[in-house]
């Protein structure tokens, strides 16, 4: 028996007044899995096994998760991941708990609740998000072959300016004293190389103003800012290549007075098939969705500043959704509609009046062949202006999408 599907069919319509909302439906699905995992623990469910819990008992959730800090963290996590205001999320959680208990008791019948849930706990393992493991009793995590160590980690992307940072590697201590002998020799070799390069530079009759750029393999996200370098005088100068925390090292050769070198600002963004993301490019805010999902990325508001500011000025915002070029056409069309509605709900939740939103069907509604991520997106843009100055050139790279 799939307990989560049963709760989605019976409890979700009551909480959402039969409205269709992909973000809130997904939020409730995760909440159901967390509640089922906690109620499967005998210490928790036995504490109110014989108690009568009313459907409108909004304080029941406090007994299911008595730790105040955990309750606050749970609400904040659900709110952030599904772009639902925190106050509304708290209300949904409190209203859902007693209704979930009623349905679970009905399914269990005469079987003790924790026994019934333990026998069917495998059906919720894939629904519990990694960040929620901290709210699950240790015994249930063991039963599900899960542990807090499985929690997904988000790769940290470090953005640096063009100010170069010298990285100095500290050699490991050599117990035999070998490094102590080698360090002075290495130092002398470096000084000799510098002296030779300086002498060679001084013997040249004309300065060279050709920048030499060496690039290394790009990481997940690389950002460089524009830098202008001017030669102070006609005197020849030289800078050795410097390793920095950016993914591009620039070695500048001698330049004549007044010569200017400019590098172009570049932003590379990786679009995943398993996690939602948002890209702002040339005045267009593109929401990319995970395969088969309709949840807006948690950091969407950070990228939506220009669109939200334009809406405050009274401009109308257009929303255009696309469908996958592969897979079942009817299912893809339904999913595309849910994604467009999710974007509209996100914009409304962040202050954009519905009267300023317009769903516009693009001429080509499917993604480009071989680029499945283009069919898993929804664009938001200014209808009467359609041009917000971009802050840089954005390059989108993709990772392989799983089979639909």
Protein backbone atom coordinates (compact mmCIF):
# COMPACT_ATOMS: atom_id res chain seq x y z
CA UNK A 1 0.00 0.00 0.00
CA UNK A 2 1.34 3.43 -0.93
CA UNK A 3 0.46 5.52 2.11
CA UNK A 4 1.66 8.81 0.60
CA UNK A 5 -0.56 8.43 -2.49
CA UNK A 6 -3.56 7.75 -0.23
CA UNK A 7 -2.90 10.88 1.87
CA UNK A 8 -2.35 12.98 -1.28
CA UNK A 9 -5.71 11.81 -2.61
CA UNK A 10 -7.68 12.31 0.63
CA UNK A 11 -6.03 15.08 2.68
CA UNK A 12 -4.48 17.43 0.12
CA UNK A 13 -7.80 18.46 -1.55
CA UNK A 14 -9.18 19.38 1.89
CA UNK A 15 -6.18 21.54 2.77
CA UNK A 16 -6.04 23.27 -0.64
CA UNK A 17 -9.83 23.57 -1.11
CA UNK A 18 -9.59 21.36 -4.22
CA UNK A 19 -7.27 23.90 -5.89
CA UNK A 20 -4.38 22.72 -8.04
CA UNK A 21 -1.03 24.05 -6.86
CA UNK A 22 2.13 22.10 -7.67
CA UNK A 23 4.34 23.76 -5.05
CA UNK A 24 1.91 23.34 -2.17
CA UNK A 25 1.03 19.79 -3.22
CA UNK A 26 4.71 18.84 -3.20
CA UNK A 27 5.22 20.57 0.15
CA UNK A 28 2.39 18.52 1.68
CA UNK A 29 3.74 15.29 0.14
CA UNK A 30 7.07 15.80 1.95
CA UNK A 31 5.24 16.68 5.18
CA UNK A 32 3.18 13.45 4.97
CA UNK A 33 6.34 11.36 4.65
CA UNK A 34 7.90 13.05 7.72
CA UNK A 35 4.73 12.58 9.80
CA UNK A 36 4.40 8.91 8.81
CA UNK A 37 8.05 8.27 9.73
CA UNK A 38 7.61 9.88 13.16
CA UNK A 39 4.28 8.12 13.89
CA UNK A 40 5.91 4.78 13.00
CA UNK A 41 7.96 5.18 16.17
CA UNK A 42 6.16 3.49 19.08
CA UNK A 43 7.38 6.03 21.66
CA UNK A 44 5.62 8.78 19.73
CA UNK A 45 2.39 7.12 18.54
CA UNK A 46 1.74 5.26 21.82
CA UNK A 47 1.70 8.56 23.74
CA UNK A 48 -1.72 9.37 22.24
CA UNK A 49 -2.82 5.90 21.08
CA UNK A 50 -6.09 6.06 23.04
CA UNK A 51 -6.63 9.80 22.74
CA UNK A 52 -9.37 11.35 20.61
CA UNK A 53 -7.82 13.90 18.25
CA UNK A 54 -10.24 16.32 16.56
CA UNK A 55 -9.73 17.17 12.89
CA UNK A 56 -9.30 20.85 13.80
CA UNK A 57 -6.83 20.25 16.65
CA UNK A 58 -4.04 22.50 15.34
CA UNK A 59 -1.94 21.87 18.45
CA UNK A 60 -1.62 18.15 17.67
CA UNK A 61 1.47 18.73 15.55
CA UNK A 62 3.25 20.13 18.64
CA UNK A 63 2.87 16.70 20.28
CA UNK A 64 4.12 14.86 17.20
CA UNK A 65 7.23 17.09 17.06
CA UNK A 66 7.61 18.54 20.58
CA UNK A 67 11.01 20.18 20.01
CA UNK A 68 10.26 23.86 19.29
CA UNK A 69 13.51 24.36 17.39
CA UNK A 70 12.77 21.36 15.17
CA UNK A 71 9.27 22.64 14.43
CA UNK A 72 10.64 26.03 13.42
CA UNK A 73 13.37 24.46 11.26
CA UNK A 74 10.87 22.14 9.55
CA UNK A 75 8.54 25.02 8.63
CA UNK A 76 11.43 27.14 7.35
CA UNK A 77 12.84 24.30 5.23
CA UNK A 78 9.45 23.53 3.64
CA UNK A 79 8.83 27.24 3.01
CA UNK A 80 12.24 27.75 1.38
CA UNK A 81 12.20 24.66 -0.80
CA UNK A 82 8.69 25.17 -2.20
CA UNK A 83 8.43 28.99 -2.29
CA UNK A 84 5.42 29.13 0.03
CA UNK A 85 5.28 31.98 2.60
CA UNK A 86 6.46 30.82 6.01
CA UNK A 87 3.24 31.79 7.82
CA UNK A 88 1.12 29.86 5.31
CA UNK A 89 3.47 26.87 5.56
CA UNK A 90 3.07 26.83 9.36
CA UNK A 91 -0.72 26.87 8.97
CA UNK A 92 -0.67 24.00 6.45
CA UNK A 93 1.53 21.89 8.75
CA UNK A 94 -0.70 22.43 11.81
CA UNK A 95 -3.92 21.73 9.88
CA UNK A 96 -2.52 18.67 8.14
CA UNK A 97 -1.27 16.73 11.21
CA UNK A 98 -4.67 15.74 12.75
CA UNK A 99 -6.14 14.91 9.30
CA UNK A 100 -3.16 12.66 8.54
CA UNK A 101 -3.61 10.86 11.88
CA UNK A 102 -7.30 10.26 11.13
CA UNK A 103 -6.54 8.69 7.72
CA UNK A 104 -3.70 6.55 9.09
CA UNK A 105 -5.87 5.22 11.90
CA UNK A 106 -8.54 4.36 9.33
CA UNK A 107 -6.00 2.44 7.23
CA UNK A 108 -4.55 0.62 10.25
CA UNK A 109 -7.93 -0.57 11.54
CA UNK A 110 -7.41 -2.75 14.65
CA UNK A 111 -3.64 -2.99 14.10
CA UNK A 112 -1.57 -0.73 16.40
CA UNK A 113 -0.67 2.39 14.42
CA UNK A 114 3.11 2.12 14.79
CA UNK A 115 3.01 -1.58 13.81
CA UNK A 116 0.94 -0.85 10.70
CA UNK A 117 3.22 2.02 9.65
CA UNK A 118 6.40 0.02 10.31
CA UNK A 119 5.11 -2.76 8.03
CA UNK A 120 4.52 -0.22 5.24
CA UNK A 121 7.35 2.22 5.95
CA UNK A 122 9.31 1.29 2.81
CA UNK A 123 6.83 3.23 0.65
CA UNK A 124 7.85 6.58 2.22
CA UNK A 125 11.65 6.21 2.12
CA UNK A 126 12.04 7.77 -1.33
CA UNK A 127 9.78 10.71 -0.43
CA UNK A 128 11.64 11.87 2.68
CA UNK A 129 14.06 14.68 1.66
CA UNK A 130 17.63 14.40 2.93
CA UNK A 131 17.38 17.65 4.90
CA UNK A 132 14.50 16.10 6.94
CA UNK A 133 16.51 13.17 8.34
CA UNK A 134 17.18 15.18 11.48
CA UNK A 135 13.43 15.13 12.27
CA UNK A 136 13.15 11.31 11.93
CA UNK A 137 13.70 9.00 14.97
CA UNK A 138 16.98 7.07 14.77
CA UNK A 139 15.22 3.69 14.87
CA UNK A 140 13.10 4.56 11.84
CA UNK A 141 16.15 5.82 9.91
CA UNK A 142 17.83 2.47 10.61
CA UNK A 143 14.72 0.64 9.39
CA UNK A 144 14.84 2.69 6.17
CA UNK A 145 18.61 2.15 5.79
CA UNK A 146 19.06 5.91 6.06
CA UNK A 147 21.28 8.04 8.24
CA UNK A 148 22.01 11.76 8.61
CA UNK A 149 25.28 11.06 6.77
CA UNK A 150 23.20 10.51 3.61
CA UNK A 151 22.04 14.15 3.70
CA UNK A 152 22.67 15.78 0.34
CA UNK A 153 25.25 18.49 0.35
CA UNK A 154 25.02 21.52 -1.88
CA UNK A 155 28.30 22.28 -3.63
CA UNK A 156 29.65 25.60 -2.47
CA UNK A 157 30.44 27.91 -5.35
CA UNK A 158 33.05 30.49 -4.49
CA UNK A 159 32.90 33.70 -6.52
CA UNK A 160 36.01 35.84 -6.51
CA UNK A 161 36.99 39.17 -7.98
CA UNK A 162 39.94 39.69 -10.31
CA UNK A 163 42.08 40.53 -7.31
CA UNK A 164 44.57 37.67 -7.48
CA UNK A 165 45.33 35.70 -4.30
CA UNK A 166 48.68 33.93 -4.05
CA UNK A 167 48.30 30.38 -2.80
CA UNK A 168 51.34 29.02 -0.97
CA UNK A 169 51.55 25.28 -0.52
CA UNK A 170 53.04 24.23 2.83
CA UNK A 171 55.34 21.22 2.34
CA UNK A 172 54.84 18.23 4.58
CA UNK A 173 57.50 17.88 7.28
CA UNK A 174 60.14 15.40 6.24
CA UNK A 175 61.30 13.51 9.28
CA UNK A 176 64.68 12.91 7.62
CA UNK A 177 65.31 16.61 7.03
CA UNK A 178 65.27 16.27 3.23
CA UNK A 179 62.92 19.25 2.76
CA UNK A 180 65.18 21.43 4.89
CA UNK A 181 67.95 20.73 2.42
CA UNK A 182 65.82 21.20 -0.70
CA UNK A 183 64.10 24.48 0.25
CA UNK A 184 67.23 26.68 -0.03
CA UNK A 185 68.09 25.07 -3.37
CA UNK A 186 64.56 25.64 -4.70
CA UNK A 187 64.70 29.25 -3.54
CA UNK A 188 67.96 29.82 -5.37
CA UNK A 189 66.58 28.28 -8.55
CA UNK A 190 63.53 30.56 -8.42
CA UNK A 191 65.66 33.65 -7.85
CA UNK A 192 67.91 32.64 -10.74
CA UNK A 193 64.91 32.19 -13.05
CA UNK A 194 63.55 35.60 -12.08
CA UNK A 195 66.92 37.28 -12.64
CA UNK A 196 67.28 35.66 -16.05
CA UNK A 197 63.76 36.70 -17.09
CA UNK A 198 64.35 40.28 -15.90
CA UNK A 199 67.64 40.49 -17.80
CA UNK A 200 66.02 39.15 -20.95
CA UNK A 201 63.21 41.69 -20.61
CA UNK A 202 65.63 44.60 -20.23
CA UNK A 203 67.47 43.64 -23.43
CA UNK A 204 64.33 44.10 -25.57
CA UNK A 205 64.05 47.33 -27.55
CA UNK A 206 60.25 47.44 -27.82
CA UNK A 207 57.64 46.71 -25.16
CA UNK A 208 55.15 43.97 -25.85
CA UNK A 209 51.48 44.58 -25.08
CA UNK A 210 50.02 41.17 -25.83
CA UNK A 211 48.04 39.59 -22.97
CA UNK A 212 48.57 35.87 -22.59
CA UNK A 213 45.62 34.01 -21.17
CA UNK A 214 45.77 30.44 -19.89
CA UNK A 215 42.46 28.88 -18.92
CA UNK A 216 41.89 25.76 -16.87
CA UNK A 217 38.90 23.45 -16.80
CA UNK A 218 35.77 25.34 -15.73
CA UNK A 219 34.17 24.30 -12.43
CA UNK A 220 30.41 24.21 -11.78
CA UNK A 221 30.17 28.01 -11.79
CA UNK A 222 32.91 30.46 -12.77
CA UNK A 223 32.58 34.23 -12.46
CA UNK A 224 35.22 36.82 -13.42
CA UNK A 225 34.71 40.55 -13.29
CA UNK A 226 36.00 43.09 -15.86
CA UNK A 227 39.48 44.41 -15.07
CA UNK A 228 41.40 47.24 -16.73
CA UNK A 229 45.18 47.25 -16.56
CA UNK A 230 47.18 50.31 -17.64
CA UNK A 231 50.95 50.49 -18.02
CA UNK A 232 52.37 53.19 -15.74
CA UNK A 233 55.14 54.11 -18.16
CA UNK A 234 57.10 52.90 -21.17
CA UNK A 235 59.40 51.00 -18.82
CA UNK A 236 59.20 47.27 -19.45
CA UNK A 237 57.48 45.20 -16.74
CA UNK A 238 56.77 41.53 -16.25
CA UNK A 239 54.40 39.48 -14.06
CA UNK A 240 54.73 35.73 -13.59
CA UNK A 241 51.49 33.60 -13.85
CA UNK A 242 49.74 33.60 -10.50
CA UNK A 243 47.49 30.75 -9.20
CA UNK A 244 44.27 32.23 -7.87
CA UNK A 245 40.92 31.09 -6.50
CA UNK A 246 39.33 31.88 -9.87
CA UNK A 247 39.38 29.28 -12.62
CA UNK A 248 41.37 31.51 -15.02
CA UNK A 249 44.99 32.57 -14.55
CA UNK A 250 46.21 35.62 -16.51
CA UNK A 251 49.88 36.35 -17.14
CA UNK A 252 50.52 39.91 -18.34
CA UNK A 253 53.54 40.70 -20.49
CA UNK A 254 55.17 44.18 -20.85
CA UNK A 255 52.83 46.86 -22.26
CA UNK A 256 53.41 50.33 -23.63
CA UNK A 257 52.21 53.41 -21.73
CA UNK A 258 48.46 53.99 -21.97
CA UNK A 259 47.71 50.46 -23.22
CA UNK A 260 44.53 48.99 -21.73
CA UNK A 261 43.60 45.32 -21.41
CA UNK A 262 39.98 44.35 -20.73
CA UNK A 263 38.60 40.90 -19.90
CA UNK A 264 34.92 40.11 -20.52
CA UNK A 265 32.55 39.20 -17.68
CA UNK A 266 31.38 35.61 -18.12
CA UNK A 267 28.95 33.54 -16.11
CA UNK A 268 28.60 29.78 -16.69
CA UNK A 269 25.62 28.01 -15.12
CA UNK A 270 25.07 24.26 -15.02
CA UNK A 271 21.47 23.09 -15.44
CA UNK A 272 20.75 19.85 -13.57
CA UNK A 273 18.07 17.31 -14.48
CA UNK A 274 17.49 16.37 -10.82
CA UNK A 275 17.35 19.79 -9.12
CA UNK A 276 15.42 22.94 -10.15
CA UNK A 277 17.34 26.12 -11.00
CA UNK A 278 16.81 29.69 -12.25
CA UNK A 279 18.80 31.70 -14.83
CA UNK A 280 18.42 35.42 -15.61
CA UNK A 281 19.68 36.25 -19.11
CA UNK A 282 19.05 39.22 -21.41
CA UNK A 283 15.97 40.40 -19.53
CA UNK A 284 14.38 36.92 -19.42
CA UNK A 285 14.01 34.92 -16.19
CA UNK A 286 14.08 31.19 -17.05
CA UNK A 287 12.86 28.67 -14.46
CA UNK A 288 14.37 25.21 -15.13
CA UNK A 289 12.59 22.25 -13.52
CA UNK A 290 13.79 18.81 -12.46
CA UNK A 291 12.64 15.92 -14.63
CA UNK A 292 8.99 15.07 -13.92
CA UNK A 293 8.68 17.81 -11.28
CA UNK A 294 7.02 21.24 -11.07
CA UNK A 295 8.82 22.76 -8.07
CA UNK A 296 10.43 26.21 -8.39
CA UNK A 297 14.07 26.43 -7.21
CA UNK A 298 14.50 27.64 -3.63
CA UNK A 299 16.84 30.50 -4.66
CA UNK A 300 14.49 31.84 -7.35
CA UNK A 301 13.84 35.12 -5.55
CA UNK A 302 17.57 35.98 -5.64
CA UNK A 303 17.50 35.91 -9.46
CA UNK A 304 14.08 37.58 -9.87
CA UNK A 305 14.93 41.07 -8.59
CA UNK A 306 14.74 42.80 -12.00
CA UNK A 307 11.42 41.18 -12.93
CA UNK A 308 9.89 41.93 -9.50
CA UNK A 309 11.12 45.55 -9.66
CA UNK A 310 9.60 45.98 -13.11
CA UNK A 311 6.28 44.62 -11.82
CA UNK A 312 6.35 47.21 -9.00
CA UNK A 313 6.51 49.89 -11.72
CA UNK A 314 3.25 48.55 -13.15
CA UNK A 315 4.69 46.62 -16.09
CA UNK A 316 2.95 43.46 -17.26
CA UNK A 317 4.88 40.19 -16.94
CA UNK A 318 4.50 37.45 -19.55
CA UNK A 319 4.82 33.75 -18.66
CA UNK A 320 5.61 31.17 -21.38
CA UNK A 321 5.97 27.44 -20.70
CA UNK A 322 7.59 24.77 -22.86
CA UNK A 323 7.24 21.01 -23.09
CA UNK A 324 9.75 18.19 -23.52
CA UNK A 325 10.40 17.16 -27.10
CA UNK A 326 10.51 13.51 -26.01
CA UNK A 327 8.19 11.28 -24.00
CA UNK A 328 4.40 11.15 -23.73
CA UNK A 329 2.99 14.34 -25.33
CA UNK A 330 -0.17 14.48 -23.19
CA UNK A 331 1.76 14.01 -19.93
CA UNK A 332 4.37 16.57 -21.00
CA UNK A 333 1.67 19.14 -21.81
CA UNK A 334 0.00 18.64 -18.42
CA UNK A 335 3.34 18.95 -16.61
CA UNK A 336 4.21 22.11 -18.60
CA UNK A 337 0.93 23.70 -17.48
CA UNK A 338 1.65 22.85 -13.82
CA UNK A 339 5.11 24.39 -14.15
CA UNK A 340 3.70 27.61 -15.61
CA UNK A 341 1.18 27.76 -12.76
CA UNK A 342 4.00 27.20 -10.27
CA UNK A 343 5.90 30.20 -11.71
CA UNK A 344 2.75 32.31 -11.58
CA UNK A 345 2.20 31.30 -7.93
CA UNK A 346 5.84 32.19 -7.16
CA UNK A 347 5.47 35.68 -8.69
CA UNK A 348 2.17 36.32 -6.90
CA UNK A 349 3.70 35.15 -3.60
CA UNK A 350 6.48 37.72 -4.11
CA UNK A 351 4.17 40.68 -4.65
CA UNK A 352 3.23 40.65 -8.34
CA UNK A 353 -0.54 41.28 -8.80
CA UNK A 354 -2.32 38.60 -10.86
CA UNK A 355 -3.71 41.38 -13.05
CA UNK A 356 -0.14 42.06 -14.29
CA UNK A 357 0.54 38.42 -15.19
CA UNK A 358 -0.28 36.98 -18.62
CA UNK A 359 0.19 33.37 -19.74
CA UNK A 360 1.49 33.54 -23.32
CA UNK A 361 1.89 30.46 -25.49
CA UNK A 362 5.20 30.64 -27.44
CA UNK A 363 5.31 29.89 -31.18
CA UNK A 364 7.51 26.87 -30.55
CA UNK A 365 6.25 25.18 -27.38
CA UNK A 366 8.70 22.26 -27.30
CA UNK A 367 12.35 22.21 -26.29
CA UNK A 368 15.11 21.92 -28.84
CA UNK A 369 15.96 18.41 -29.95
CA UNK A 370 18.81 17.01 -27.88
CA UNK A 371 18.40 19.76 -25.25
CA UNK A 372 15.79 18.33 -22.89
CA UNK A 373 16.38 21.05 -20.31
CA UNK A 374 14.99 23.67 -22.75
CA UNK A 375 11.68 21.81 -22.69
CA UNK A 376 11.70 21.75 -18.89
CA UNK A 377 11.58 25.50 -18.46
CA UNK A 378 9.18 28.42 -18.03
CA UNK A 379 10.18 31.97 -19.01
CA UNK A 380 9.04 35.18 -17.31
CA UNK A 381 9.62 38.51 -19.05
CA UNK A 382 8.30 42.06 -19.42
CA UNK A 383 5.56 42.11 -22.06
CA UNK A 384 5.54 45.83 -22.96
CA UNK A 385 9.32 46.34 -22.68
CA UNK A 386 10.87 42.85 -23.06
CA UNK A 387 14.35 44.16 -22.40
CA UNK A 388 16.06 44.42 -19.04
CA UNK A 389 19.79 45.18 -19.37
CA UNK A 390 21.73 42.00 -18.71
CA UNK A 391 24.62 42.08 -16.23
CA UNK A 392 26.83 39.82 -18.29
CA UNK A 393 27.00 37.03 -20.85
CA UNK A 394 25.43 33.80 -19.56
CA UNK A 395 26.42 30.38 -20.86
CA UNK A 396 24.21 27.42 -19.98
CA UNK A 397 25.73 23.94 -19.87
CA UNK A 398 23.71 20.82 -19.24
CA UNK A 399 24.05 17.48 -17.57
CA UNK A 400 22.52 14.27 -18.89
CA UNK A 401 18.80 13.88 -18.24
CA UNK A 402 17.50 10.51 -17.03
CA UNK A 403 14.99 8.60 -19.14
CA UNK A 404 11.52 10.12 -18.97
